[in-house]
Protein backbone atom coordinates (compact mmCIF):
# COMPACT_ATOMS: atom_id res chain seq x y z
CA MET A 1 -3.31 -32.05 2.68
CA ALA A 2 -3.52 -31.62 -1.09
CA HIS A 3 -3.39 -34.78 -3.14
CA HIS A 4 -3.43 -33.44 -6.70
CA LYS A 5 -0.44 -32.04 -8.45
CA SER A 6 -2.31 -28.85 -9.43
CA ALA A 7 -3.45 -28.31 -5.83
CA LYS A 8 0.12 -28.54 -4.58
CA LYS A 9 1.24 -26.07 -7.23
CA ARG A 10 -1.54 -23.68 -6.25
CA ILE A 11 -0.37 -23.87 -2.58
CA ARG A 12 3.18 -23.00 -3.65
CA GLN A 13 1.97 -20.14 -5.82
CA ASP A 14 -0.33 -18.73 -3.10
CA GLU A 15 2.52 -18.70 -0.53
CA LYS A 16 4.77 -16.88 -2.97
CA LYS A 17 2.00 -14.25 -3.68
CA ARG A 18 1.23 -13.89 0.03
CA LEU A 19 4.88 -12.98 0.79
CA HIS A 20 5.01 -10.66 -2.16
CA ASN A 21 1.82 -8.90 -1.19
CA ARG A 22 2.85 -8.67 2.46
CA TYR A 23 6.07 -6.88 1.46
CA TYR A 24 4.32 -4.25 -0.66
CA LYS A 25 1.55 -3.65 1.93
CA LYS A 26 4.09 -3.21 4.70
CA SER A 27 6.18 -0.86 2.58
CA THR A 28 3.15 1.28 1.87
CA ARG A 29 2.11 1.38 5.55
CA THR A 30 5.64 2.44 6.53
CA ALA A 31 5.63 5.23 3.90
CA LEU A 32 2.19 6.36 5.15
CA LYS A 33 3.49 6.58 8.65
CA LYS A 34 6.57 8.59 7.57
CA VAL A 35 4.42 11.17 5.72
CA ARG A 36 1.96 11.46 8.62
CA GLU A 37 4.88 12.18 11.00
CA MET A 38 6.52 14.79 8.77
CA GLU A 39 6.57 18.38 9.92
CA ASP A 40 7.99 19.90 6.75
CA LYS A 41 5.30 20.67 4.17
CA ALA A 42 7.64 20.85 1.18
CA GLU A 43 9.18 17.47 1.96
CA ALA A 44 5.76 15.90 2.48
CA GLU A 45 4.51 17.25 -0.84
CA LYS A 46 7.56 15.75 -2.54
CA GLN A 47 6.75 12.31 -1.05
CA LEU A 48 3.01 12.42 -1.83
CA PRO A 49 3.03 11.37 -5.53
CA ALA A 50 5.13 8.28 -4.86
CA LEU A 51 2.86 7.32 -1.96
CA PHE A 52 -0.26 7.83 -4.05
CA SER A 53 1.23 5.59 -6.68
CA MET A 54 1.89 2.87 -4.09
CA ILE A 55 -1.68 3.10 -2.78
CA ASP A 56 -3.15 2.97 -6.28
CA ARG A 57 -1.05 -0.11 -7.07
CA LEU A 58 -2.34 -1.91 -4.01
CA ALA A 59 -5.95 -0.97 -4.94
CA LYS A 60 -5.40 -2.24 -8.49
CA ARG A 61 -4.16 -5.59 -7.16
CA ASN A 62 -7.12 -5.84 -4.73
CA LEU A 63 -4.92 -5.58 -1.69
CA PHE A 64 -6.75 -2.41 -0.68
CA HIS A 65 -10.44 -1.79 -1.32
CA PRO A 66 -10.78 1.04 -3.86
CA ASN A 67 -12.68 3.16 -1.30
CA LYS A 68 -10.01 2.61 1.30
CA ALA A 69 -7.41 3.80 -1.19
CA ALA A 70 -9.47 6.86 -1.95
CA ASN A 71 -9.94 7.65 1.70
CA LEU A 72 -6.26 7.28 2.43
CA LYS A 73 -5.32 9.58 -0.42
CA SER A 74 -7.77 12.27 0.47
CA GLY A 75 -6.83 12.15 4.12
CA LEU A 76 -3.15 12.41 3.30
CA ALA A 77 -3.73 15.32 0.91
CA LEU A 78 -5.67 17.12 3.63
CA HIS A 79 -2.98 16.40 6.17
CA VAL A 80 -0.20 17.74 3.94
CA LYS A 81 -2.26 20.79 2.98
CA ASN A 82 -2.72 21.68 6.65
CA LEU A 83 1.00 21.33 7.53
CA GLY A 84 2.74 24.46 8.79
């Protein structure tokens, strides 16, 4: 267990950040799933910019690797383009 005051503070901060990051990652994964399950092209296209923004934010904060973010975005764009 931590003995220094600064180490104890770091543990508290890390836990707070972990919960914060977990919330945003889960929200993004849920939004991804919703768009992938959509049948309506117009509705999916409306959701896409917000989802791209969420993915970019996670990549900027190093929660997603930049290449993973790019692959997700291109795959989603392709999926929406091919909708009925």
